[in-house]
Amino acid sequence: MNKLRIVLDTNVLLVSISSKSKYHWIYQLLINGKFNLLLSNEILTEYDEIISTKYNNEVSKDVINTLLTLPNILKKDVFYNWRLIQSDLDDNKFADCAINGNADYLVTNDKHFSIFKNITFPYIKVINIKEFKNITNLK
């Protein structure tokens, strides 16, 4: 069976890092190779910036190094920017990576991504953390 191809919004990754978080199961699934994580350079850069801000540089360095060494990380070069999210242009990096990487799901709790309920092409299946948990329990 093929592993799910997932894009994680920064806030989803951020809340899953700490072993004390109720969402740590997401990071554990990633570390244990239970799904493929699609990443672009832009996403990695944002992960690094936000984790450094919310935790510190050492935590960010450890997380980024871990991501770069996991076999279930699929690095994607994005050659076309769709610019589908107008309410927060910075979020487009996740949508573009999901499209380019043929993601099964983009996981986010960010309301800016709700636009994809009304976009049929290019199609992106956006789900929240709760829906992701339901899906991963089935796989």
C-alpha atoms as a PDB file:
ATOM      1  CA  MET A   1       0.000   0.000   0.000  1.00  0.00           C
ATOM      2  CA  ASN A   2       1.294   3.446  -0.900  1.00  0.00           C
ATOM      3  CA  LYS A   3       1.835   5.886   1.932  1.00  0.00           C
ATOM      4  CA  LEU A   4      -0.220   9.029   2.043  1.00  0.00           C
ATOM      5  CA  ARG A   5       1.445  12.103   0.549  1.00  0.00           C
ATOM      6  CA  ILE A   6       0.904  14.977   2.989  1.00  0.00           C
ATOM      7  CA  VAL A   7       1.706  18.673   3.194  1.00  0.00           C
ATOM      8  CA  LEU A   8       1.702  20.007   6.764  1.00  0.00           C
ATOM      9  CA  ASP A   9       1.004  23.673   7.355  1.00  0.00           C
ATOM     10  CA  THR A  10       3.619  25.222   9.641  1.00  0.00           C
ATOM     11  CA  ASN A  11       1.232  25.554  12.562  1.00  0.00           C
ATOM     12  CA  VAL A  12       0.382  21.850  12.394  1.00  0.00           C
ATOM     13  CA  LEU A  13       4.048  20.875  12.485  1.00  0.00           C
ATOM     14  CA  LEU A  14       4.712  23.432  15.206  1.00  0.00           C
ATOM     15  CA  VAL A  15       2.052  22.102  17.591  1.00  0.00           C
ATOM     16  CA  SER A  16       3.195  18.514  17.019  1.00  0.00           C
ATOM     17  CA  ILE A  17       6.893  18.879  17.915  1.00  0.00           C
ATOM     18  CA  SER A  18       6.708  18.908  21.704  1.00  0.00           C
ATOM     19  CA  SER A  19       6.293  15.525  23.374  1.00  0.00           C
ATOM     20  CA  LYS A  20       3.952  17.311  25.800  1.00  0.00           C
ATOM     21  CA  SER A  21       1.581  18.365  23.012  1.00  0.00           C
ATOM     22  CA  LYS A  22      -1.699  16.531  22.458  1.00  0.00           C
ATOM     23  CA  TYR A  23      -0.768  16.638  18.764  1.00  0.00           C
ATOM     24  CA  HIS A  24       2.635  14.995  19.172  1.00  0.00           C
ATOM     25  CA  TRP A  25       1.208  11.885  17.490  1.00  0.00           C
ATOM     26  CA  ILE A  26       1.557  13.745  14.152  1.00  0.00           C
ATOM     27  CA  TYR A  27       5.308  14.202  14.611  1.00  0.00           C
ATOM     28  CA  GLN A  28       5.625  10.587  15.806  1.00  0.00           C
ATOM     29  CA  LEU A  29       3.821   9.297  12.708  1.00  0.00           C
ATOM     30  CA  LEU A  30       6.177  11.369  10.564  1.00  0.00           C
ATOM     31  CA  ILE A  31       9.307  10.144  12.377  1.00  0.00           C
ATOM     32  CA  ASN A  32       8.064   6.555  12.134  1.00  0.00           C
ATOM     33  CA  GLY A  33       7.559   6.892   8.375  1.00  0.00           C
ATOM     34  CA  LYS A  34       3.788   6.381   8.442  1.00  0.00           C
ATOM     35  CA  PHE A  35       3.235   9.014   5.734  1.00  0.00           C
ATOM     36  CA  ASN A  36       5.298  10.875   3.156  1.00  0.00           C
ATOM     37  CA  LEU A  37       5.799  14.570   3.852  1.00  0.00           C
ATOM     38  CA  LEU A  38       6.042  16.833   0.822  1.00  0.00           C
ATOM     39  CA  LEU A  39       8.402  19.780   1.311  1.00  0.00           C
ATOM     40  CA  SER A  40       9.661  22.666  -0.778  1.00  0.00           C
ATOM     41  CA  ASN A  41      12.589  24.937   0.064  1.00  0.00           C
ATOM     42  CA  GLU A  42      10.105  27.703   0.875  1.00  0.00           C
ATOM     43  CA  ILE A  43       8.278  25.488   3.355  1.00  0.00           C
ATOM     44  CA  LEU A  44      11.520  24.376   4.999  1.00  0.00           C
ATOM     45  CA  THR A  45      12.580  28.004   5.359  1.00  0.00           C
ATOM     46  CA  GLU A  46       9.279  28.910   6.996  1.00  0.00           C
ATOM     47  CA  TYR A  47       9.443  25.882   9.314  1.00  0.00           C
ATOM     48  CA  ASP A  48      12.919  26.985  10.393  1.00  0.00           C
ATOM     49  CA  GLU A  49      11.888  30.610  11.002  1.00  0.00           C
ATOM     50  CA  ILE A  50       8.736  29.808  12.953  1.00  0.00           C
ATOM     51  CA  ILE A  51      10.209  26.984  15.052  1.00  0.00           C
ATOM     52  CA  SER A  52      13.185  29.231  15.931  1.00  0.00           C
ATOM     53  CA  THR A  53      10.769  31.943  17.040  1.00  0.00           C
ATOM     54  CA  LYS A  54       8.406  29.715  19.038  1.00  0.00           C
ATOM     55  CA  TYR A  55      11.073  27.441  20.535  1.00  0.00           C
ATOM     56  CA  ASN A  56      14.703  28.321  19.813  1.00  0.00           C
ATOM     57  CA  ASN A  57      17.429  27.883  17.180  1.00  0.00           C
ATOM     58  CA  GLU A  58      18.584  24.525  18.567  1.00  0.00           C
ATOM     59  CA  VAL A  59      15.119  22.972  18.408  1.00  0.00           C
ATOM     60  CA  SER A  60      14.671  24.340  14.900  1.00  0.00           C
ATOM     61  CA  LYS A  61      18.041  22.985  13.792  1.00  0.00           C
ATOM     62  CA  ASP A  62      17.206  19.546  15.233  1.00  0.00           C
ATOM     63  CA  VAL A  63      13.780  19.420  13.568  1.00  0.00           C
ATOM     64  CA  ILE A  64      15.083  20.602  10.176  1.00  0.00           C
ATOM     65  CA  ASN A  65      18.013  18.155  10.289  1.00  0.00           C
ATOM     66  CA  THR A  66      15.611  15.362  11.173  1.00  0.00           C
ATOM     67  CA  LEU A  67      13.337  16.289   8.277  1.00  0.00           C
ATOM     68  CA  LEU A  68      16.252  16.369   5.855  1.00  0.00           C
ATOM     69  CA  THR A  69      17.381  12.871   6.821  1.00  0.00           C
ATOM     70  CA  LEU A  70      14.056  11.029   6.947  1.00  0.00           C
ATOM     71  CA  PRO A  71      13.468   8.669   4.006  1.00  0.00           C
ATOM     72  CA  ASN A  72       9.773   9.609   3.876  1.00  0.00           C
ATOM     73  CA  ILE A  73      10.471  13.270   3.065  1.00  0.00           C
ATOM     74  CA  LEU A  74       9.771  14.119  -0.552  1.00  0.00           C
ATOM     75  CA  LYS A  75      11.485  17.350  -1.592  1.00  0.00           C
ATOM     76  CA  LYS A  76       9.621  19.142  -4.360  1.00  0.00           C
ATOM     77  CA  ASP A  77      10.828  21.981  -6.519  1.00  0.00           C
ATOM     78  CA  VAL A  78       7.904  24.243  -7.291  1.00  0.00           C
ATOM     79  CA  PHE A  79       8.154  25.684 -10.772  1.00  0.00           C
ATOM     80  CA  TYR A  80       4.729  27.257 -11.020  1.00  0.00           C
ATOM     81  CA  ASN A  81       3.017  29.469  -8.470  1.00  0.00           C
ATOM     82  CA  TRP A  82      -0.764  29.299  -8.715  1.00  0.00           C
ATOM     83  CA  ARG A  83      -1.418  32.196  -6.290  1.00  0.00           C
ATOM     84  CA  LEU A  84      -4.814  30.784  -5.360  1.00  0.00           C
ATOM     85  CA  ILE A  85      -4.950  32.125  -1.795  1.00  0.00           C
ATOM     86  CA  GLN A  86      -5.391  35.888  -1.949  1.00  0.00           C
ATOM     87  CA  SER A  87      -6.253  36.417   1.726  1.00  0.00           C
ATOM     88  CA  ASP A  88      -2.750  35.352   2.841  1.00  0.00           C
ATOM     89  CA  LEU A  89      -0.294  35.114  -0.042  1.00  0.00           C
ATOM     90  CA  ASP A  90       2.300  33.441   2.191  1.00  0.00           C
ATOM     91  CA  ASP A  91       0.070  30.352   2.439  1.00  0.00           C
ATOM     92  CA  ASN A  92       0.396  29.721  -1.290  1.00  0.00           C
ATOM     93  CA  LYS A  93       3.703  27.888  -0.783  1.00  0.00           C
ATOM     94  CA  PHE A  94       1.781  25.023   0.848  1.00  0.00           C
ATOM     95  CA  ALA A  95      -0.868  24.896  -1.875  1.00  0.00           C
ATOM     96  CA  ASP A  96       1.773  25.009  -4.624  1.00  0.00           C
ATOM     97  CA  CYS A  97       3.736  22.184  -2.994  1.00  0.00           C
ATOM     98  CA  ALA A  98       0.561  20.118  -2.594  1.00  0.00           C
ATOM     99  CA  ILE A  99      -0.311  20.598  -6.257  1.00  0.00           C
ATOM    100  CA  ASN A 100       3.232  19.947  -7.495  1.00  0.00           C
ATOM    101  CA  GLY A 101       3.685  16.915  -5.253  1.00  0.00           C
ATOM    102  CA  ASN A 102       0.274  15.424  -5.999  1.00  0.00           C
ATOM    103  CA  ALA A 103      -0.557  15.440  -2.290  1.00  0.00           C
ATOM    104  CA  ASP A 104      -3.365  13.332  -0.936  1.00  0.00           C
ATOM    105  CA  TYR A 105      -4.006  15.954   1.742  1.00  0.00           C
ATOM    106  CA  LEU A 106      -2.910  19.357   2.931  1.00  0.00           C
ATOM    107  CA  VAL A 107      -3.322  19.377   6.709  1.00  0.00           C
ATOM    108  CA  THR A 108      -4.090  22.724   8.317  1.00  0.00           C
ATOM    109  CA  ASN A 109      -6.392  24.401  10.787  1.00  0.00           C
ATOM    110  CA  ASP A 110      -5.916  27.749   8.986  1.00  0.00           C
ATOM    111  CA  LYS A 111      -9.164  29.222   7.651  1.00  0.00           C
ATOM    112  CA  HIS A 112      -7.374  30.773   4.640  1.00  0.00           C
ATOM    113  CA  PHE A 113      -7.290  27.323   3.054  1.00  0.00           C
ATOM    114  CA  SER A 114     -11.100  27.019   3.076  1.00  0.00           C
ATOM    115  CA  ILE A 115     -11.027  28.585  -0.403  1.00  0.00           C
ATOM    116  CA  PHE A 116     -10.210  25.113  -1.735  1.00  0.00           C
ATOM    117  CA  LYS A 117     -13.742  23.941  -0.991  1.00  0.00           C
ATOM    118  CA  ASN A 118     -14.765  26.007  -4.032  1.00  0.00           C
ATOM    119  CA  ILE A 119     -11.828  25.336  -6.352  1.00  0.00           C
ATOM    120  CA  THR A 120     -12.105  22.278  -8.561  1.00  0.00           C
ATOM    121  CA  PHE A 121      -8.893  22.843 -10.509  1.00  0.00           C
ATOM    122  CA  PRO A 122      -6.267  22.460  -9.378  1.00  0.00           C
ATOM    123  CA  TYR A 123      -7.799  20.241  -6.741  1.00  0.00           C
ATOM    124  CA  ILE A 124      -6.362  20.139  -3.232  1.00  0.00           C
ATOM    125  CA  LYS A 125      -7.991  18.104  -0.471  1.00  0.00           C
ATOM    126  CA  VAL A 126      -7.602  20.270   2.640  1.00  0.00           C
ATOM    127  CA  ILE A 127      -8.284  18.657   5.996  1.00  0.00           C
ATOM    128  CA  ASN A 128      -7.863  19.719   9.602  1.00  0.00           C
ATOM    129  CA  ILE A 129      -5.943  17.911  12.348  1.00  0.00           C
ATOM    130  CA  LYS A 130      -9.024  16.049  13.593  1.00  0.00           C
ATOM    131  CA  GLU A 131      -9.778  14.739  10.089  1.00  0.00           C
ATOM    132  CA  PHE A 132      -6.129  13.761   9.668  1.00  0.00           C
ATOM    133  CA  LYS A 133      -6.279  11.767  12.886  1.00  0.00           C
ATOM    134  CA  ASN A 134      -9.369   9.929  11.650  1.00  0.00           C
ATOM    135  CA  ILE A 135      -7.647   9.126   8.359  1.00  0.00           C
ATOM    136  CA  THR A 136      -4.406   7.941   9.964  1.00  0.00           C
ATOM    137  CA  ASN A 137      -6.332   5.672  12.322  1.00  0.00           C
ATOM    138  CA  LEU A 138      -7.803   3.944   9.270  1.00  0.00           C
ATOM    139  CA  LYS A 139      -4.480   3.425   7.497  1.00  0.00           C
END
